[in-house]
N, C-alpha and C. Protein backbone atom coordinates (compact mmCIF):
# COMPACT_ATOMS: atom_id res chain seq x y z
N MET A 1 84.91 -46.98 312.13
CA MET A 1 85.59 -46.75 313.39
C MET A 1 85.57 -45.25 313.69
N ALA A 2 85.18 -44.91 314.89
CA ALA A 2 85.18 -43.51 315.32
C ALA A 2 86.56 -43.17 315.86
N PHE A 3 87.03 -42.00 315.51
CA PHE A 3 88.35 -41.57 315.95
C PHE A 3 88.22 -40.51 317.03
N CYS A 4 88.86 -40.76 318.17
CA CYS A 4 88.81 -39.78 319.26
C CYS A 4 90.20 -39.36 319.71
N PHE A 5 91.24 -39.87 319.05
CA PHE A 5 92.60 -39.48 319.42
C PHE A 5 92.82 -38.01 319.08
N ASP A 6 93.84 -37.42 319.70
CA ASP A 6 94.15 -36.02 319.44
C ASP A 6 95.66 -35.88 319.33
N ASP A 7 96.12 -35.49 318.16
CA ASP A 7 97.57 -35.31 317.95
C ASP A 7 98.17 -34.31 318.93
N ASN A 8 97.37 -33.34 319.37
CA ASN A 8 97.86 -32.31 320.28
C ASN A 8 97.96 -32.81 321.73
N LEU A 9 97.31 -33.93 322.04
CA LEU A 9 97.29 -34.41 323.42
C LEU A 9 98.05 -35.71 323.63
N ILE A 10 98.61 -36.29 322.57
CA ILE A 10 99.28 -37.58 322.70
C ILE A 10 100.47 -37.49 323.67
N SER A 11 101.18 -36.39 323.65
CA SER A 11 102.31 -36.21 324.56
C SER A 11 101.83 -36.18 326.01
N ASP A 12 100.71 -35.51 326.27
CA ASP A 12 100.14 -35.45 327.62
C ASP A 12 99.68 -36.83 328.07
N LEU A 13 99.01 -37.56 327.18
CA LEU A 13 98.53 -38.90 327.52
C LEU A 13 99.71 -39.81 327.83
N HIS A 14 100.74 -39.75 327.02
CA HIS A 14 101.94 -40.57 327.25
C HIS A 14 102.53 -40.25 328.62
N LYS A 15 102.61 -38.96 328.95
CA LYS A 15 103.17 -38.56 330.25
C LYS A 15 102.30 -39.05 331.40
N ASP A 16 100.98 -38.99 331.25
CA ASP A 16 100.08 -39.50 332.29
C ASP A 16 100.25 -41.00 332.49
N VAL A 17 100.50 -41.73 331.42
CA VAL A 17 100.64 -43.18 331.51
C VAL A 17 101.99 -43.58 332.06
N TYR A 18 103.07 -42.99 331.54
CA TYR A 18 104.42 -43.45 331.86
C TYR A 18 105.20 -42.53 332.78
N GLY A 19 104.70 -41.32 333.02
CA GLY A 19 105.38 -40.41 333.93
C GLY A 19 106.42 -39.52 333.26
N PHE A 20 106.57 -39.63 331.96
CA PHE A 20 107.52 -38.78 331.24
C PHE A 20 107.00 -38.55 329.82
N ARG A 21 107.48 -37.47 329.22
CA ARG A 21 107.08 -37.13 327.86
C ARG A 21 107.67 -38.16 326.89
N PRO A 22 106.98 -38.38 325.77
CA PRO A 22 107.52 -39.33 324.79
C PRO A 22 108.81 -38.81 324.16
N ARG A 23 109.65 -39.75 323.82
CA ARG A 23 110.91 -39.40 323.17
C ARG A 23 110.65 -39.18 321.67
N GLN A 24 111.68 -38.71 321.02
CA GLN A 24 111.57 -38.37 319.61
C GLN A 24 111.13 -39.56 318.77
N GLY A 25 111.66 -40.74 319.07
CA GLY A 25 111.31 -41.93 318.30
C GLY A 25 109.83 -42.26 318.37
N PHE A 26 109.24 -42.11 319.56
CA PHE A 26 107.81 -42.36 319.71
C PHE A 26 107.01 -41.37 318.86
N MET A 27 107.40 -40.10 318.94
CA MET A 27 106.66 -39.08 318.20
C MET A 27 106.80 -39.26 316.69
N GLN A 28 107.98 -39.68 316.24
CA GLN A 28 108.15 -39.94 314.81
C GLN A 28 107.27 -41.11 314.38
N LYS A 29 107.23 -42.14 315.22
CA LYS A 29 106.38 -43.29 314.92
C LYS A 29 104.91 -42.85 314.88
N TRP A 30 104.50 -42.06 315.89
CA TRP A 30 103.12 -41.56 315.96
C TRP A 30 102.77 -40.76 314.70
N ASN A 31 103.64 -39.85 314.33
CA ASN A 31 103.38 -38.99 313.17
C ASN A 31 103.32 -39.77 311.86
N GLY A 32 103.96 -40.94 311.83
CA GLY A 32 103.94 -41.76 310.63
C GLY A 32 102.77 -42.72 310.55
N MET A 33 101.97 -42.81 311.60
CA MET A 33 100.85 -43.76 311.63
C MET A 33 99.63 -43.20 310.90
N ASN A 34 98.82 -44.13 310.40
CA ASN A 34 97.53 -43.71 309.84
C ASN A 34 96.52 -43.58 310.99
N LYS A 35 95.34 -43.09 310.69
CA LYS A 35 94.34 -42.82 311.73
C LYS A 35 93.94 -44.07 312.50
N VAL A 36 93.82 -45.19 311.83
CA VAL A 36 93.40 -46.43 312.50
C VAL A 36 94.45 -46.85 313.53
N HIS A 37 95.73 -46.83 313.13
CA HIS A 37 96.79 -47.23 314.05
C HIS A 37 96.93 -46.24 315.21
N LYS A 38 96.75 -44.95 314.91
CA LYS A 38 96.79 -43.96 315.99
C LYS A 38 95.68 -44.23 317.00
N GLN A 39 94.49 -44.54 316.51
CA GLN A 39 93.37 -44.80 317.41
C GLN A 39 93.62 -46.04 318.25
N LEU A 40 94.19 -47.08 317.64
CA LEU A 40 94.49 -48.31 318.39
C LEU A 40 95.50 -48.03 319.50
N LEU A 41 96.55 -47.28 319.18
CA LEU A 41 97.56 -46.94 320.20
C LEU A 41 96.95 -46.04 321.26
N TRP A 42 96.14 -45.08 320.85
CA TRP A 42 95.46 -44.18 321.79
C TRP A 42 94.61 -44.99 322.78
N ASP A 43 93.83 -45.93 322.25
CA ASP A 43 92.98 -46.77 323.10
C ASP A 43 93.81 -47.60 324.06
N GLU A 44 94.93 -48.12 323.58
CA GLU A 44 95.82 -48.91 324.44
C GLU A 44 96.38 -48.06 325.58
N LEU A 45 96.80 -46.84 325.25
CA LEU A 45 97.32 -45.94 326.29
C LEU A 45 96.22 -45.57 327.29
N CYS A 46 95.01 -45.35 326.81
CA CYS A 46 93.89 -45.03 327.71
C CYS A 46 93.59 -46.20 328.63
N ASP A 47 93.63 -47.42 328.10
CA ASP A 47 93.40 -48.61 328.93
C ASP A 47 94.48 -48.74 330.00
N THR A 48 95.73 -48.50 329.61
CA THR A 48 96.83 -48.57 330.56
C THR A 48 96.69 -47.51 331.64
N LEU A 49 96.26 -46.32 331.24
CA LEU A 49 96.04 -45.24 332.21
C LEU A 49 94.95 -45.63 333.21
N ASP A 50 93.86 -46.22 332.73
CA ASP A 50 92.79 -46.68 333.62
C ASP A 50 93.32 -47.71 334.62
N GLU A 51 94.14 -48.64 334.15
CA GLU A 51 94.73 -49.65 335.04
C GLU A 51 95.63 -48.99 336.07
N ASN A 52 96.43 -48.02 335.64
CA ASN A 52 97.33 -47.31 336.56
C ASN A 52 96.55 -46.56 337.63
N ILE A 53 95.45 -45.95 337.24
CA ILE A 53 94.63 -45.20 338.20
C ILE A 53 94.04 -46.14 339.24
N LYS A 54 93.56 -47.29 338.80
CA LYS A 54 93.03 -48.28 339.75
C LYS A 54 94.11 -48.77 340.69
N ALA A 55 95.29 -49.07 340.15
CA ALA A 55 96.40 -49.55 340.97
C ALA A 55 96.84 -48.47 341.96
N ASP A 56 96.86 -47.22 341.53
CA ASP A 56 97.22 -46.12 342.43
C ASP A 56 96.23 -46.00 343.57
N GLY A 57 94.95 -46.21 343.29
CA GLY A 57 93.93 -46.16 344.33
C GLY A 57 94.13 -47.24 345.37
N VAL A 58 94.46 -48.44 344.91
CA VAL A 58 94.72 -49.55 345.83
C VAL A 58 95.97 -49.25 346.66
N GLN A 59 97.01 -48.75 345.99
CA GLN A 59 98.25 -48.43 346.69
C GLN A 59 98.03 -47.33 347.73
N ALA A 60 97.26 -46.31 347.38
CA ALA A 60 96.99 -45.22 348.32
C ALA A 60 96.19 -45.72 349.52
N ALA A 61 95.25 -46.63 349.29
CA ALA A 61 94.46 -47.19 350.40
C ALA A 61 95.35 -48.00 351.33
N GLU A 62 96.26 -48.79 350.75
CA GLU A 62 97.20 -49.57 351.57
C GLU A 62 98.13 -48.66 352.35
N ALA A 63 98.57 -47.58 351.71
CA ALA A 63 99.46 -46.63 352.38
C ALA A 63 98.76 -45.95 353.55
N LEU A 64 97.48 -45.66 353.40
CA LEU A 64 96.71 -45.05 354.48
C LEU A 64 96.58 -46.01 355.66
N VAL A 65 96.35 -47.28 355.37
CA VAL A 65 96.30 -48.29 356.43
C VAL A 65 97.65 -48.36 357.14
N ASN A 66 98.74 -48.34 356.39
CA ASN A 66 100.08 -48.39 356.99
C ASN A 66 100.35 -47.15 357.84
N LEU A 67 99.91 -45.99 357.37
CA LEU A 67 100.10 -44.77 358.15
C LEU A 67 99.36 -44.87 359.48
N ARG A 68 98.13 -45.35 359.43
CA ARG A 68 97.36 -45.51 360.67
C ARG A 68 98.07 -46.47 361.63
N LYS A 69 98.59 -47.56 361.10
CA LYS A 69 99.33 -48.52 361.94
C LYS A 69 100.56 -47.86 362.55
N ASN A 70 101.28 -47.09 361.75
CA ASN A 70 102.49 -46.43 362.25
C ASN A 70 102.15 -45.39 363.31
N ILE A 71 101.05 -44.67 363.12
CA ILE A 71 100.63 -43.70 364.14
C ILE A 71 100.27 -44.42 365.43
N ARG A 72 99.49 -45.50 365.32
CA ARG A 72 99.12 -46.27 366.52
C ARG A 72 100.36 -46.82 367.22
N SER A 73 101.30 -47.30 366.46
CA SER A 73 102.52 -47.86 367.03
C SER A 73 103.29 -46.79 367.81
N LYS A 74 103.44 -45.61 367.20
CA LYS A 74 104.12 -44.50 367.89
C LYS A 74 103.35 -44.09 369.15
N MET A 75 102.03 -44.03 369.04
CA MET A 75 101.22 -43.65 370.20
C MET A 75 101.42 -44.64 371.35
N ASN A 76 101.44 -45.91 371.02
CA ASN A 76 101.60 -46.94 372.05
C ASN A 76 103.00 -46.94 372.65
N SER A 77 104.00 -46.81 371.81
CA SER A 77 105.37 -46.89 372.32
C SER A 77 105.78 -45.63 373.08
N LEU A 78 105.27 -44.48 372.67
CA LEU A 78 105.65 -43.22 373.32
C LEU A 78 104.59 -42.68 374.27
N LYS A 79 103.44 -43.36 374.32
CA LYS A 79 102.32 -42.91 375.17
C LYS A 79 101.97 -41.45 374.87
N CYS A 80 101.77 -41.18 373.58
CA CYS A 80 101.46 -39.82 373.14
C CYS A 80 100.16 -39.81 372.34
N ASN A 81 99.68 -38.62 372.01
CA ASN A 81 98.47 -38.51 371.20
C ASN A 81 98.81 -38.67 369.72
N TRP A 82 97.78 -38.73 368.89
CA TRP A 82 98.00 -38.99 367.46
C TRP A 82 98.72 -37.85 366.76
N LYS A 83 98.50 -36.62 367.23
CA LYS A 83 99.16 -35.48 366.58
C LYS A 83 100.67 -35.53 366.77
N LEU A 84 101.10 -35.84 367.98
CA LEU A 84 102.54 -35.94 368.22
C LEU A 84 103.12 -37.12 367.45
N ALA A 85 102.40 -38.22 367.42
CA ALA A 85 102.86 -39.40 366.68
C ALA A 85 103.02 -39.06 365.20
N LEU A 86 102.04 -38.38 364.63
CA LEU A 86 102.11 -38.00 363.22
C LEU A 86 103.23 -37.00 363.00
N ARG A 87 103.35 -36.06 363.91
CA ARG A 87 104.43 -35.07 363.82
C ARG A 87 105.79 -35.75 363.74
N LEU A 88 105.99 -36.75 364.59
CA LEU A 88 107.27 -37.47 364.60
C LEU A 88 107.48 -38.24 363.30
N LEU A 89 106.42 -38.79 362.75
CA LEU A 89 106.54 -39.48 361.46
C LEU A 89 106.92 -38.50 360.34
N ILE A 90 106.36 -37.30 360.40
CA ILE A 90 106.69 -36.28 359.41
C ILE A 90 108.15 -35.86 359.56
N VAL A 91 108.59 -35.66 360.79
CA VAL A 91 109.98 -35.28 361.04
C VAL A 91 110.92 -36.40 360.59
N ASN A 92 110.51 -37.66 360.78
CA ASN A 92 111.34 -38.79 360.33
C ASN A 92 111.56 -38.77 358.83
N GLU A 93 110.67 -38.12 358.10
CA GLU A 93 110.83 -37.98 356.64
C GLU A 93 111.69 -36.75 356.31
N ARG A 94 112.29 -36.16 357.35
CA ARG A 94 113.13 -34.96 357.21
C ARG A 94 112.34 -33.78 356.64
N CYS A 95 111.11 -33.65 357.14
CA CYS A 95 110.23 -32.56 356.72
C CYS A 95 109.79 -31.77 357.95
N ASP A 96 109.42 -30.52 357.73
CA ASP A 96 108.95 -29.65 358.79
C ASP A 96 107.43 -29.75 358.88
N PRO A 97 106.90 -30.29 359.98
CA PRO A 97 105.45 -30.45 360.10
C PRO A 97 104.69 -29.13 360.17
N GLU A 98 105.38 -28.02 360.40
CA GLU A 98 104.72 -26.72 360.46
C GLU A 98 104.57 -26.09 359.07
N CYS A 99 105.24 -26.65 358.10
CA CYS A 99 105.17 -26.15 356.72
C CYS A 99 104.23 -27.07 355.93
N ASP A 100 103.15 -26.49 355.41
CA ASP A 100 102.15 -27.30 354.69
C ASP A 100 102.76 -28.07 353.53
N GLN A 101 103.69 -27.44 352.79
CA GLN A 101 104.30 -28.12 351.65
C GLN A 101 105.14 -29.30 352.12
N ASP A 102 105.92 -29.12 353.18
CA ASP A 102 106.72 -30.22 353.72
C ASP A 102 105.82 -31.33 354.24
N PHE A 103 104.76 -30.95 354.93
CA PHE A 103 103.82 -31.92 355.48
C PHE A 103 103.24 -32.78 354.35
N GLY A 104 102.78 -32.10 353.30
CA GLY A 104 102.23 -32.82 352.15
C GLY A 104 103.27 -33.68 351.45
N TYR A 105 104.49 -33.17 351.36
CA TYR A 105 105.57 -33.93 350.73
C TYR A 105 105.88 -35.20 351.51
N ALA A 106 105.92 -35.08 352.83
CA ALA A 106 106.18 -36.26 353.67
C ALA A 106 105.10 -37.31 353.47
N LEU A 107 103.85 -36.88 353.43
CA LEU A 107 102.75 -37.83 353.20
C LEU A 107 102.83 -38.43 351.80
N TRP A 108 103.22 -37.63 350.83
CA TRP A 108 103.40 -38.13 349.46
C TRP A 108 104.48 -39.21 349.44
N ARG A 109 105.57 -38.97 350.18
CA ARG A 109 106.64 -39.98 350.25
C ARG A 109 106.15 -41.27 350.89
N MET A 110 105.12 -41.17 351.72
CA MET A 110 104.52 -42.35 352.34
C MET A 110 103.44 -42.95 351.45
N ASP A 111 103.30 -42.44 350.23
CA ASP A 111 102.32 -42.91 349.23
C ASP A 111 100.88 -42.58 349.59
N ILE A 112 100.68 -41.57 350.42
CA ILE A 112 99.33 -41.14 350.76
C ILE A 112 98.78 -40.33 349.59
N GLY A 113 97.55 -40.61 349.19
CA GLY A 113 96.92 -39.91 348.07
C GLY A 113 96.68 -38.44 348.37
N TYR A 114 96.50 -37.67 347.32
CA TYR A 114 96.35 -36.21 347.44
C TYR A 114 95.18 -35.82 348.33
N GLU A 115 94.02 -36.39 348.09
CA GLU A 115 92.83 -36.03 348.86
C GLU A 115 93.00 -36.43 350.33
N ASP A 116 93.51 -37.63 350.57
CA ASP A 116 93.75 -38.07 351.95
C ASP A 116 94.78 -37.18 352.62
N SER A 117 95.80 -36.79 351.89
CA SER A 117 96.83 -35.92 352.44
C SER A 117 96.23 -34.59 352.89
N ASN A 118 95.37 -34.01 352.06
CA ASN A 118 94.72 -32.75 352.42
C ASN A 118 93.83 -32.92 353.65
N ASN A 119 93.10 -34.03 353.72
CA ASN A 119 92.23 -34.28 354.88
C ASN A 119 93.05 -34.46 356.15
N ILE A 120 94.16 -35.17 356.05
CA ILE A 120 95.02 -35.37 357.22
C ILE A 120 95.59 -34.03 357.69
N LEU A 121 96.02 -33.21 356.74
CA LEU A 121 96.57 -31.90 357.10
C LEU A 121 95.51 -31.05 357.80
N LYS A 122 94.28 -31.06 357.30
CA LYS A 122 93.20 -30.29 357.93
C LYS A 122 92.94 -30.78 359.35
N LEU A 123 92.91 -32.09 359.53
CA LEU A 123 92.72 -32.64 360.88
C LEU A 123 93.87 -32.23 361.80
N TYR A 124 95.07 -32.33 361.29
CA TYR A 124 96.26 -32.00 362.08
C TYR A 124 96.25 -30.53 362.48
N ARG A 125 95.86 -29.67 361.55
CA ARG A 125 95.84 -28.23 361.83
C ARG A 125 94.59 -27.81 362.60
N GLY A 126 93.60 -28.71 362.71
CA GLY A 126 92.37 -28.37 363.42
C GLY A 126 91.45 -27.46 362.63
N VAL A 127 91.53 -27.55 361.31
CA VAL A 127 90.71 -26.69 360.44
C VAL A 127 89.35 -27.31 360.24
């Protein structure tokens, strides 16, 4: 069996998978494992991370579709252009559309992916 786990990166991998650093009990368990068990757990965490990444991609795509629907809905109800509709959606998230960080945060709250968020901001700013 080839070993590719890294004792120095297990905390980072755990955080990528679960969103938080491992607790003391996990680390004690990890430190007490032999190489074979460490590799098995490492592989399991990597598989879970791959599944999470795929699920996040699906969720981000659905969120983008929902954002487009919400923009169209605002445009139709208010008879406005897409920029004003998006601006109002950003303001509804209690964010300042003139501040790039707020703009990105509002899109993040709408589950828009990082790359899509940057592209939307560039379109909005006319860059």
